[in-house]
Amino acid sequence: MNGNLNIRAMQRDEVDRLVGWAAEEGWNPGTGDAAIFWANDPQAFIAAELDGELIGGGAITAYGERFGFMGFFLMRPEFRGRGLGNRLWLARRDRLQARLAPGATIGMDGVAHMQAYYARGGFVFSHRNLRFCGQGGEAGRPDARPAGSEIVPLAAVDPAVLAAYERSCFPAPRPVFLKHWIAGDDRLALGLVRDGELAGYGVVRTCRVGCKIGPLFADDEAAADALLTRLSGFAAGGPVFLDVPETHAAAMALARRHGMDEVFGCARMYLGPVPQVREDRIFGVTTFEVG
């Protein structure tokens, strides 16, 4: 018997538990992810509760009314294979659609073996995002910035300029998320300014294992190379991860030139129209959990 399944909003402390389960599954979340994701959208986290016990959850993050993202879908292992996860996933999809305007787009990064399941839920495959792992710190290549450029703390960049650049690479404005994502002692956020104009930016954050870089947005491979080199130094000789769109040849080449190896991958899928963004600027996506 499946008992009495209650699908409801999560409490803040339950998000910490969900992130902890994700770490046990090998998802390697950032040390500050739970707090930032909650600050960005407290309504995003949905719990599955069976007879009063938390057994799973997931995120349905809304960025305004035109774009949402589903992620962090997780059921505790002992409750899998009973149809409970299916009920949670469908409820999350429907609740996110209700939060958005009619015809809005929902994105997700799903593991390969679940791709057919997500397709039955209306999602269409776009491309793969591949996780690469390399060595940070001393193993990084020398900093070779493009001519006429400098790397600066992202906090020193005009917020309006940063927001405009960010919007070219992401399907919707996300000012609250960005405010929290680029700040904190557990991360480093840098911009590359060339000839007085912002030509890229990136963030690296501490994770349960090593560090992850994301996003890594840049005008071209030279700008992305300089940012990747500097950001990877934050890992202090430990592993550093970068999630790369497989369809972006220059981004794939950059990861391999930095000695990074493919270790994991997800299928980027969309329900609704495919967002129109500057794919040539996306050298690394922000997260698999909230887009």
C-alpha atoms as a PDB file:
ATOM      1  CA  MET A   1       0.000   0.000   0.000  1.00  0.00           C
ATOM      2  CA  ASN A   2       1.224   3.496  -0.823  1.00  0.00           C
ATOM      3  CA  GLY A   3      -0.424   5.105   2.185  1.00  0.00           C
ATOM      4  CA  ASN A   4      -1.527   8.701   2.303  1.00  0.00           C
ATOM      5  CA  LEU A   5       0.731  10.768   0.009  1.00  0.00           C
ATOM      6  CA  ASN A   6       0.620  14.499   0.683  1.00  0.00           C
ATOM      7  CA  ILE A   7       2.222  16.841  -1.848  1.00  0.00           C
ATOM      8  CA  ARG A   8       2.775  20.253  -0.313  1.00  0.00           C
ATOM      9  CA  ALA A   9       5.116  23.230  -0.030  1.00  0.00           C
ATOM     10  CA  MET A  10       8.436  22.541   1.680  1.00  0.00           C
ATOM     11  CA  GLN A  11       9.653  24.236   4.830  1.00  0.00           C
ATOM     12  CA  ARG A  12      13.109  25.837   4.863  1.00  0.00           C
ATOM     13  CA  ASP A  13      14.733  23.101   6.996  1.00  0.00           C
ATOM     14  CA  GLU A  14      13.355  20.455   4.644  1.00  0.00           C
ATOM     15  CA  VAL A  15      15.279  22.019   1.760  1.00  0.00           C
ATOM     16  CA  ASP A  16      18.469  21.308   3.699  1.00  0.00           C
ATOM     17  CA  ARG A  17      17.408  17.679   3.989  1.00  0.00           C
ATOM     18  CA  LEU A  18      16.685  17.504   0.251  1.00  0.00           C
ATOM     19  CA  VAL A  19      20.110  18.937  -0.548  1.00  0.00           C
ATOM     20  CA  GLY A  20      21.656  16.423   1.851  1.00  0.00           C
ATOM     21  CA  TRP A  21      19.943  13.563   0.028  1.00  0.00           C
ATOM     22  CA  ALA A  22      21.212  15.000  -3.259  1.00  0.00           C
ATOM     23  CA  ALA A  23      24.756  14.886  -1.846  1.00  0.00           C
ATOM     24  CA  GLU A  24      24.257  11.223  -0.903  1.00  0.00           C
ATOM     25  CA  GLU A  25      23.178  10.554  -4.511  1.00  0.00           C
ATOM     26  CA  GLY A  26      26.454  12.051  -5.769  1.00  0.00           C
ATOM     27  CA  TRP A  27      24.941  15.271  -7.139  1.00  0.00           C
ATOM     28  CA  ASN A  28      27.601  17.277  -5.302  1.00  0.00           C
ATOM     29  CA  PRO A  29      25.566  20.402  -4.428  1.00  0.00           C
ATOM     30  CA  GLY A  30      27.221  23.676  -3.488  1.00  0.00           C
ATOM     31  CA  THR A  31      27.675  24.399   0.187  1.00  0.00           C
ATOM     32  CA  GLY A  32      25.471  27.497  -0.093  1.00  0.00           C
ATOM     33  CA  ASP A  33      22.952  26.208  -2.635  1.00  0.00           C
ATOM     34  CA  ALA A  34      20.014  25.591  -0.294  1.00  0.00           C
ATOM     35  CA  ALA A  35      20.064  29.091   1.166  1.00  0.00           C
ATOM     36  CA  ILE A  36      20.421  30.770  -2.233  1.00  0.00           C
ATOM     37  CA  PHE A  37      17.749  28.694  -3.965  1.00  0.00           C
ATOM     38  CA  TRP A  38      15.345  29.429  -1.110  1.00  0.00           C
ATOM     39  CA  ALA A  39      16.114  33.147  -1.122  1.00  0.00           C
ATOM     40  CA  ASN A  40      15.550  33.234  -4.872  1.00  0.00           C
ATOM     41  CA  ASP A  41      12.142  31.524  -4.806  1.00  0.00           C
ATOM     42  CA  PRO A  42      10.745  30.162  -1.503  1.00  0.00           C
ATOM     43  CA  GLN A  43       7.707  28.817  -3.349  1.00  0.00           C
ATOM     44  CA  ALA A  44       9.850  26.625  -5.569  1.00  0.00           C
ATOM     45  CA  PHE A  45      10.308  23.669  -3.232  1.00  0.00           C
ATOM     46  CA  ILE A  46       7.641  20.955  -3.182  1.00  0.00           C
ATOM     47  CA  ALA A  47       7.612  18.080  -0.695  1.00  0.00           C
ATOM     48  CA  ALA A  48       6.281  14.540  -0.944  1.00  0.00           C
ATOM     49  CA  GLU A  49       5.128  13.386   2.483  1.00  0.00           C
ATOM     50  CA  LEU A  50       3.922   9.850   3.137  1.00  0.00           C
ATOM     51  CA  ASP A  51       1.940   9.329   6.327  1.00  0.00           C
ATOM     52  CA  GLY A  52       3.671  12.355   7.835  1.00  0.00           C
ATOM     53  CA  GLU A  53       7.203  11.383   6.714  1.00  0.00           C
ATOM     54  CA  LEU A  54       9.200  13.393   4.159  1.00  0.00           C
ATOM     55  CA  ILE A  55      10.148  10.967   1.382  1.00  0.00           C
ATOM     56  CA  GLY A  56      11.055  13.213  -1.542  1.00  0.00           C
ATOM     57  CA  GLY A  57      10.845  16.591  -3.174  1.00  0.00           C
ATOM     58  CA  GLY A  58      11.879  18.853  -5.969  1.00  0.00           C
ATOM     59  CA  ALA A  59      12.115  22.423  -7.199  1.00  0.00           C
ATOM     60  CA  ILE A  60       9.785  24.310  -9.536  1.00  0.00           C
ATOM     61  CA  THR A  61      11.573  27.622  -9.879  1.00  0.00           C
ATOM     62  CA  ALA A  62       9.711  30.480 -11.573  1.00  0.00           C
ATOM     63  CA  TYR A  63      11.591  33.348 -13.210  1.00  0.00           C
ATOM     64  CA  GLY A  64       8.778  35.801 -13.733  1.00  0.00           C
ATOM     65  CA  GLU A  65       5.777  34.518 -15.671  1.00  0.00           C
ATOM     66  CA  ARG A  66       7.425  33.380 -18.905  1.00  0.00           C
ATOM     67  CA  PHE A  67      10.072  30.853 -17.849  1.00  0.00           C
ATOM     68  CA  GLY A  68      10.358  28.191 -15.197  1.00  0.00           C
ATOM     69  CA  PHE A  69      12.756  25.379 -14.395  1.00  0.00           C
ATOM     70  CA  MET A  70      12.192  21.960 -12.845  1.00  0.00           C
ATOM     71  CA  GLY A  71      15.031  20.356 -10.908  1.00  0.00           C
ATOM     72  CA  PHE A  72      16.146  18.641  -7.705  1.00  0.00           C
ATOM     73  CA  PHE A  73      13.638  15.817  -8.353  1.00  0.00           C
ATOM     74  CA  LEU A  74      14.504  13.174  -5.776  1.00  0.00           C
ATOM     75  CA  MET A  75      12.774  10.335  -3.949  1.00  0.00           C
ATOM     76  CA  ARG A  76      14.384   8.418  -1.127  1.00  0.00           C
ATOM     77  CA  PRO A  77      15.557   5.039  -2.499  1.00  0.00           C
ATOM     78  CA  GLU A  78      13.258   2.892  -0.354  1.00  0.00           C
ATOM     79  CA  PHE A  79      10.191   4.659  -1.779  1.00  0.00           C
ATOM     80  CA  ARG A  80      11.062   4.332  -5.455  1.00  0.00           C
ATOM     81  CA  GLY A  81       9.271   2.041  -7.887  1.00  0.00           C
ATOM     82  CA  ARG A  82       5.877   2.508  -6.249  1.00  0.00           C
ATOM     83  CA  GLY A  83       4.437   5.279  -8.430  1.00  0.00           C
ATOM     84  CA  LEU A  84       4.955   7.899  -5.741  1.00  0.00           C
ATOM     85  CA  GLY A  85       7.671   9.710  -7.686  1.00  0.00           C
ATOM     86  CA  ASN A  86       5.403   9.837 -10.730  1.00  0.00           C
ATOM     87  CA  ARG A  87       2.689  11.535  -8.695  1.00  0.00           C
ATOM     88  CA  LEU A  88       5.180  14.030  -7.308  1.00  0.00           C
ATOM     89  CA  TRP A  89       6.689  14.810 -10.709  1.00  0.00           C
ATOM     90  CA  LEU A  90       3.315  15.380 -12.383  1.00  0.00           C
ATOM     91  CA  ALA A  91       2.146  17.550  -9.492  1.00  0.00           C
ATOM     92  CA  ARG A  92       5.320  19.636  -9.733  1.00  0.00           C
ATOM     93  CA  ARG A  93       4.883  20.119 -13.473  1.00  0.00           C
ATOM     94  CA  ASP A  94       1.252  21.146 -13.070  1.00  0.00           C
ATOM     95  CA  ARG A  95       1.998  23.488 -10.170  1.00  0.00           C
ATOM     96  CA  LEU A  96       4.771  25.200 -12.083  1.00  0.00           C
ATOM     97  CA  GLN A  97       2.536  25.664 -15.105  1.00  0.00           C
ATOM     98  CA  ALA A  98      -0.030  27.256 -12.793  1.00  0.00           C
ATOM     99  CA  ARG A  99       2.627  29.701 -11.550  1.00  0.00           C
ATOM    100  CA  LEU A 100       3.467  30.781 -15.105  1.00  0.00           C
ATOM    101  CA  ALA A 101       1.553  32.514 -17.873  1.00  0.00           C
ATOM    102  CA  PRO A 102      -0.196  30.352 -20.482  1.00  0.00           C
ATOM    103  CA  GLY A 103       2.270  29.193 -23.132  1.00  0.00           C
ATOM    104  CA  ALA A 104       5.333  29.840 -20.955  1.00  0.00           C
ATOM    105  CA  THR A 105       8.407  27.646 -21.302  1.00  0.00           C
ATOM    106  CA  ILE A 106       9.663  25.195 -18.681  1.00  0.00           C
ATOM    107  CA  GLY A 107      13.191  23.822 -18.863  1.00  0.00           C
ATOM    108  CA  MET A 108      14.907  20.931 -17.144  1.00  0.00           C
ATOM    109  CA  ASP A 109      18.126  18.904 -17.164  1.00  0.00           C
ATOM    110  CA  GLY A 110      17.242  15.220 -16.851  1.00  0.00           C
ATOM    111  CA  VAL A 111      19.432  12.140 -16.572  1.00  0.00           C
ATOM    112  CA  ALA A 112      19.549   9.998 -19.706  1.00  0.00           C
ATOM    113  CA  HIS A 113      17.610   6.993 -18.409  1.00  0.00           C
ATOM    114  CA  MET A 114      14.664   9.269 -17.491  1.00  0.00           C
ATOM    115  CA  GLN A 115      14.515  11.087 -20.831  1.00  0.00           C
ATOM    116  CA  ALA A 116      11.693   8.950 -22.242  1.00  0.00           C
ATOM    117  CA  TYR A 117       9.661   9.466 -19.067  1.00  0.00           C
ATOM    118  CA  TYR A 118      10.040  13.246 -19.251  1.00  0.00           C
ATOM    119  CA  ALA A 119       9.085  13.121 -22.933  1.00  0.00           C
ATOM    120  CA  ARG A 120       5.807  11.454 -21.978  1.00  0.00           C
ATOM    121  CA  GLY A 121       5.230  14.455 -19.723  1.00  0.00           C
ATOM    122  CA  GLY A 122       5.458  16.828 -22.698  1.00  0.00           C
ATOM    123  CA  PHE A 123       9.159  17.729 -22.635  1.00  0.00           C
ATOM    124  CA  VAL A 124      11.157  17.764 -25.880  1.00  0.00           C
ATOM    125  CA  PHE A 125      14.882  17.089 -26.080  1.00  0.00           C
ATOM    126  CA  SER A 126      17.050  20.081 -27.011  1.00  0.00           C
ATOM    127  CA  HIS A 127      20.663  19.066 -26.369  1.00  0.00           C
ATOM    128  CA  ARG A 128      22.952  17.529 -23.785  1.00  0.00           C
ATOM    129  CA  ASN A 129      24.791  19.444 -21.078  1.00  0.00           C
ATOM    130  CA  LEU A 130      27.950  17.543 -20.186  1.00  0.00           C
ATOM    131  CA  ARG A 131      29.780  17.779 -16.866  1.00  0.00           C
ATOM    132  CA  PHE A 132      33.558  18.036 -17.148  1.00  0.00           C
ATOM    133  CA  CYS A 133      36.008  17.636 -14.291  1.00  0.00           C
ATOM    134  CA  GLY A 134      39.548  18.969 -14.113  1.00  0.00           C
ATOM    135  CA  GLN A 135      42.147  20.018 -11.619  1.00  0.00           C
ATOM    136  CA  GLY A 136      41.991  23.517 -10.200  1.00  0.00           C
ATOM    137  CA  GLY A 137      44.598  25.740  -8.636  1.00  0.00           C
ATOM    138  CA  GLU A 138      48.203  25.184  -9.515  1.00  0.00           C
ATOM    139  CA  ALA A 139      47.268  22.871 -12.379  1.00  0.00           C
ATOM    140  CA  GLY A 140      45.521  25.731 -14.229  1.00  0.00           C
ATOM    141  CA  ARG A 141      47.039  27.249 -17.342  1.00  0.00           C
ATOM    142  CA  PRO A 142      48.710  30.673 -17.146  1.00  0.00           C
ATOM    143  CA  ASP A 143      46.322  33.612 -17.281  1.00  0.00           C
ATOM    144  CA  ALA A 144      46.309  34.790 -20.914  1.00  0.00           C
ATOM    145  CA  ARG A 145      43.768  37.585 -21.114  1.00  0.00           C
ATOM    146  CA  PRO A 146      42.624  38.943 -24.487  1.00  0.00           C
ATOM    147  CA  ALA A 147      44.309  42.181 -25.540  1.00  0.00           C
ATOM    148  CA  GLY A 148      42.785  45.284 -23.984  1.00  0.00           C
ATOM    149  CA  SER A 149      40.974  43.331 -21.275  1.00  0.00           C
ATOM    150  CA  GLU A 150      41.018  43.046 -17.506  1.00  0.00           C
ATOM    151  CA  ILE A 151      39.416  40.671 -15.025  1.00  0.00           C
ATOM    152  CA  VAL A 152      37.546  42.429 -12.232  1.00  0.00           C
ATOM    153  CA  PRO A 153      35.374  41.427  -9.266  1.00  0.00           C
ATOM    154  CA  LEU A 154      31.848  41.048 -10.540  1.00  0.00           C
ATOM    155  CA  ALA A 155      30.608  43.257  -7.695  1.00  0.00           C
ATOM    156  CA  ALA A 156      32.463  46.137  -9.352  1.00  0.00           C
ATOM    157  CA  VAL A 157      30.418  45.812 -12.556  1.00  0.00           C
ATOM    158  CA  ASP A 158      27.392  48.096 -12.968  1.00  0.00           C
ATOM    159  CA  PRO A 159      24.386  45.919 -11.980  1.00  0.00           C
ATOM    160  CA  ALA A 160      22.414  47.125 -15.020  1.00  0.00           C
ATOM    161  CA  VAL A 161      25.277  46.114 -17.335  1.00  0.00           C
ATOM    162  CA  LEU A 162      25.547  42.710 -15.660  1.00  0.00           C
ATOM    163  CA  ALA A 163      21.785  42.174 -15.865  1.00  0.00           C
ATOM    164  CA  ALA A 164      21.758  42.977 -19.584  1.00  0.00           C
ATOM    165  CA  TYR A 165      24.612  40.560 -20.291  1.00  0.00           C
ATOM    166  CA  GLU A 166      23.012  37.866 -18.150  1.00  0.00           C
ATOM    167  CA  ARG A 167      19.692  38.298 -19.965  1.00  0.00           C
ATOM    168  CA  SER A 168      21.335  37.569 -23.308  1.00  0.00           C
ATOM    169  CA  CYS A 169      22.322  34.124 -21.988  1.00  0.00           C
ATOM    170  CA  PHE A 170      19.371  33.154 -19.795  1.00  0.00           C
ATOM    171  CA  PRO A 171      15.697  32.947 -20.855  1.00  0.00           C
ATOM    172  CA  ALA A 172      14.372  35.405 -18.256  1.00  0.00           C
ATOM    173  CA  PRO A 173      15.588  38.080 -15.848  1.00  0.00           C
ATOM    174  CA  ARG A 174      16.695  36.656 -12.476  1.00  0.00           C
ATOM    175  CA  PRO A 175      17.904  39.631 -10.424  1.00  0.00           C
ATOM    176  CA  VAL A 176      17.233  38.098  -7.009  1.00  0.00           C
ATOM    177  CA  PHE A 177      19.069  34.918  -7.889  1.00  0.00           C
ATOM    178  CA  LEU A 178      22.005  36.809  -9.372  1.00  0.00           C
ATOM    179  CA  LYS A 179      22.317  39.067  -6.320  1.00  0.00           C
ATOM    180  CA  HIS A 180      22.797  36.069  -4.038  1.00  0.00           C
ATOM    181  CA  TRP A 181      24.702  33.881  -6.505  1.00  0.00           C
ATOM    182  CA  ILE A 182      27.636  36.238  -6.959  1.00  0.00           C
ATOM    183  CA  ALA A 183      28.100  37.083  -3.239  1.00  0.00           C
ATOM    184  CA  GLY A 184      29.600  35.107  -0.366  1.00  0.00           C
ATOM    185  CA  ASP A 185      32.848  33.811   1.064  1.00  0.00           C
ATOM    186  CA  ASP A 186      32.307  30.362  -0.439  1.00  0.00           C
ATOM    187  CA  ARG A 187      32.580  31.619  -4.020  1.00  0.00           C
ATOM    188  CA  LEU A 188      34.399  33.877  -6.454  1.00  0.00           C
ATOM    189  CA  ALA A 189      32.570  35.945  -9.081  1.00  0.00           C
ATOM    190  CA  LEU A 190      34.574  37.652 -11.834  1.00  0.00           C
ATOM    191  CA  GLY A 191      33.863  39.699 -14.919  1.00  0.00           C
ATOM    192  CA  LEU A 192      36.040  40.232 -17.962  1.00  0.00           C
ATOM    193  CA  VAL A 193      35.977  43.793 -19.271  1.00  0.00           C
ATOM    194  CA  ARG A 194      37.398  44.398 -22.741  1.00  0.00           C
ATOM    195  CA  ASP A 195      37.708  47.855 -24.237  1.00  0.00           C
ATOM    196  CA  GLY A 196      35.454  49.174 -21.492  1.00  0.00           C
ATOM    197  CA  GLU A 197      32.641  46.683 -22.161  1.00  0.00           C
ATOM    198  CA  LEU A 198      31.643  43.585 -20.237  1.00  0.00           C
ATOM    199  CA  ALA A 199      32.699  40.632 -22.390  1.00  0.00           C
ATOM    200  CA  GLY A 200      31.903  37.794 -20.006  1.00  0.00           C
ATOM    201  CA  TYR A 201      31.550  36.668 -16.443  1.00  0.00           C
ATOM    202  CA  GLY A 202      31.736  33.537 -14.330  1.00  0.00           C
ATOM    203  CA  VAL A 203      31.172  32.231 -10.822  1.00  0.00           C
ATOM    204  CA  VAL A 204      32.918  29.396  -9.000  1.00  0.00           C
ATOM    205  CA  ARG A 205      31.492  28.043  -5.735  1.00  0.00           C
ATOM    206  CA  THR A 206      32.580  25.547  -3.115  1.00  0.00           C
ATOM    207  CA  CYS A 207      30.763  22.209  -3.272  1.00  0.00           C
ATOM    208  CA  ARG A 208      30.696  19.072  -1.143  1.00  0.00           C
ATOM    209  CA  VAL A 209      33.541  17.840  -3.360  1.00  0.00           C
ATOM    210  CA  GLY A 210      35.778  20.439  -4.980  1.00  0.00           C
ATOM    211  CA  CYS A 211      34.226  23.426  -6.755  1.00  0.00           C
ATOM    212  CA  LYS A 212      31.809  24.058  -9.613  1.00  0.00           C
ATOM    213  CA  ILE A 213      32.044  26.837 -12.167  1.00  0.00           C
ATOM    214  CA  GLY A 214      28.710  28.149 -13.349  1.00  0.00           C
ATOM    215  CA  PRO A 215      27.703  30.126 -15.115  1.00  0.00           C
ATOM    216  CA  LEU A 216      30.554  30.778 -17.525  1.00  0.00           C
ATOM    217  CA  PHE A 217      29.245  33.260 -20.090  1.00  0.00           C
ATOM    218  CA  ALA A 218      31.582  35.003 -22.524  1.00  0.00           C
ATOM    219  CA  ASP A 219      31.681  36.751 -25.891  1.00  0.00           C
ATOM    220  CA  ASP A 220      34.227  34.317 -27.292  1.00  0.00           C
ATOM    221  CA  GLU A 221      36.596  31.503 -26.440  1.00  0.00           C
ATOM    222  CA  ALA A 222      39.464  33.832 -25.529  1.00  0.00           C
ATOM    223  CA  ALA A 223      37.379  35.601 -22.886  1.00  0.00           C
ATOM    224  CA  ALA A 224      36.016  32.312 -21.587  1.00  0.00           C
ATOM    225  CA  ASP A 225      39.550  30.870 -21.430  1.00  0.00           C
ATOM    226  CA  ALA A 226      40.814  33.735 -19.278  1.00  0.00           C
ATOM    227  CA  LEU A 227      37.855  33.503 -16.907  1.00  0.00           C
ATOM    228  CA  LEU A 228      38.054  29.715 -16.636  1.00  0.00           C
ATOM    229  CA  THR A 229      41.750  29.889 -15.814  1.00  0.00           C
ATOM    230  CA  ARG A 230      41.255  32.453 -13.067  1.00  0.00           C
ATOM    231  CA  LEU A 231      38.141  30.798 -11.617  1.00  0.00           C
ATOM    232  CA  SER A 232      39.700  27.347 -11.520  1.00  0.00           C
ATOM    233  CA  GLY A 233      42.400  28.747  -9.238  1.00  0.00           C
ATOM    234  CA  PHE A 234      39.734  29.069  -6.541  1.00  0.00           C
ATOM    235  CA  ALA A 235      39.655  25.264  -6.295  1.00  0.00           C
ATOM    236  CA  ALA A 236      43.143  25.335  -4.697  1.00  0.00           C
ATOM    237  CA  GLY A 237      44.397  22.211  -6.423  1.00  0.00           C
ATOM    238  CA  GLY A 238      41.187  20.205  -5.932  1.00  0.00           C
ATOM    239  CA  PRO A 239      38.670  19.052  -8.526  1.00  0.00           C
ATOM    240  CA  VAL A 240      36.749  21.682 -10.472  1.00  0.00           C
ATOM    241  CA  PHE A 241      33.595  20.993 -12.502  1.00  0.00           C
ATOM    242  CA  LEU A 242      32.055  22.760 -15.507  1.00  0.00           C
ATOM    243  CA  ASP A 243      28.725  21.889 -17.197  1.00  0.00           C
ATOM    244  CA  VAL A 244      29.085  22.474 -20.932  1.00  0.00           C
ATOM    245  CA  PRO A 245      26.436  22.514 -23.713  1.00  0.00           C
ATOM    246  CA  GLU A 246      27.485  19.729 -26.076  1.00  0.00           C
ATOM    247  CA  THR A 247      26.234  21.741 -29.064  1.00  0.00           C
ATOM    248  CA  HIS A 248      28.739  24.552 -28.394  1.00  0.00           C
ATOM    249  CA  ALA A 249      31.911  23.334 -30.120  1.00  0.00           C
ATOM    250  CA  ALA A 250      34.132  26.114 -28.752  1.00  0.00           C
ATOM    251  CA  ALA A 251      32.998  25.399 -25.190  1.00  0.00           C
ATOM    252  CA  MET A 252      33.678  21.683 -25.591  1.00  0.00           C
ATOM    253  CA  ALA A 253      37.116  22.430 -27.012  1.00  0.00           C
ATOM    254  CA  LEU A 254      37.866  24.822 -24.157  1.00  0.00           C
ATOM    255  CA  ALA A 255      37.066  22.226 -21.491  1.00  0.00           C
ATOM    256  CA  ARG A 256      39.242  19.621 -23.158  1.00  0.00           C
ATOM    257  CA  ARG A 257      42.103  22.070 -23.676  1.00  0.00           C
ATOM    258  CA  HIS A 258      42.074  22.685 -19.933  1.00  0.00           C
ATOM    259  CA  GLY A 259      42.555  18.971 -19.375  1.00  0.00           C
ATOM    260  CA  MET A 260      38.997  18.352 -18.192  1.00  0.00           C
ATOM    261  CA  ASP A 261      37.327  14.967 -18.644  1.00  0.00           C
ATOM    262  CA  GLU A 262      33.641  14.240 -19.209  1.00  0.00           C
ATOM    263  CA  VAL A 263      32.177  12.593 -16.103  1.00  0.00           C
ATOM    264  CA  PHE A 264      28.395  13.018 -16.361  1.00  0.00           C
ATOM    265  CA  GLY A 265      25.672  14.389 -18.607  1.00  0.00           C
ATOM    266  CA  CYS A 266      22.047  15.529 -18.649  1.00  0.00           C
ATOM    267  CA  ALA A 267      19.467  16.026 -21.364  1.00  0.00           C
ATOM    268  CA  ARG A 268      18.256  19.623 -21.592  1.00  0.00           C
ATOM    269  CA  MET A 269      14.567  19.443 -22.387  1.00  0.00           C
ATOM    270  CA  TYR A 270      11.819  22.028 -22.775  1.00  0.00           C
ATOM    271  CA  LEU A 271       8.079  22.079 -22.378  1.00  0.00           C
ATOM    272  CA  GLY A 272       6.954  24.916 -24.634  1.00  0.00           C
ATOM    273  CA  PRO A 273       8.926  27.088 -27.055  1.00  0.00           C
ATOM    274  CA  VAL A 274      12.704  26.775 -26.985  1.00  0.00           C
ATOM    275  CA  PRO A 275      14.128  29.996 -25.449  1.00  0.00           C
ATOM    276  CA  GLN A 276      16.013  32.340 -27.729  1.00  0.00           C
ATOM    277  CA  VAL A 277      19.366  33.104 -26.087  1.00  0.00           C
ATOM    278  CA  ARG A 278      22.943  33.737 -27.205  1.00  0.00           C
ATOM    279  CA  GLU A 279      24.021  30.106 -27.222  1.00  0.00           C
ATOM    280  CA  ASP A 280      27.440  31.149 -28.538  1.00  0.00           C
ATOM    281  CA  ARG A 281      28.079  32.889 -25.210  1.00  0.00           C
ATOM    282  CA  ILE A 282      27.202  29.906 -22.997  1.00  0.00           C
ATOM    283  CA  PHE A 283      30.454  28.117 -22.117  1.00  0.00           C
ATOM    284  CA  GLY A 284      29.037  26.728 -18.877  1.00  0.00           C
ATOM    285  CA  VAL A 285      25.454  26.573 -17.564  1.00  0.00           C
ATOM    286  CA  THR A 286      24.645  27.835 -14.089  1.00  0.00           C
ATOM    287  CA  THR A 287      23.203  24.726 -12.425  1.00  0.00           C
ATOM    288  CA  PHE A 288      21.335  21.533 -13.258  1.00  0.00           C
ATOM    289  CA  GLU A 289      18.935  22.278 -10.390  1.00  0.00           C
ATOM    290  CA  VAL A 290      17.517  25.757 -11.137  1.00  0.00           C
ATOM    291  CA  GLY A 291      18.742  26.488 -14.659  1.00  0.00           C
END
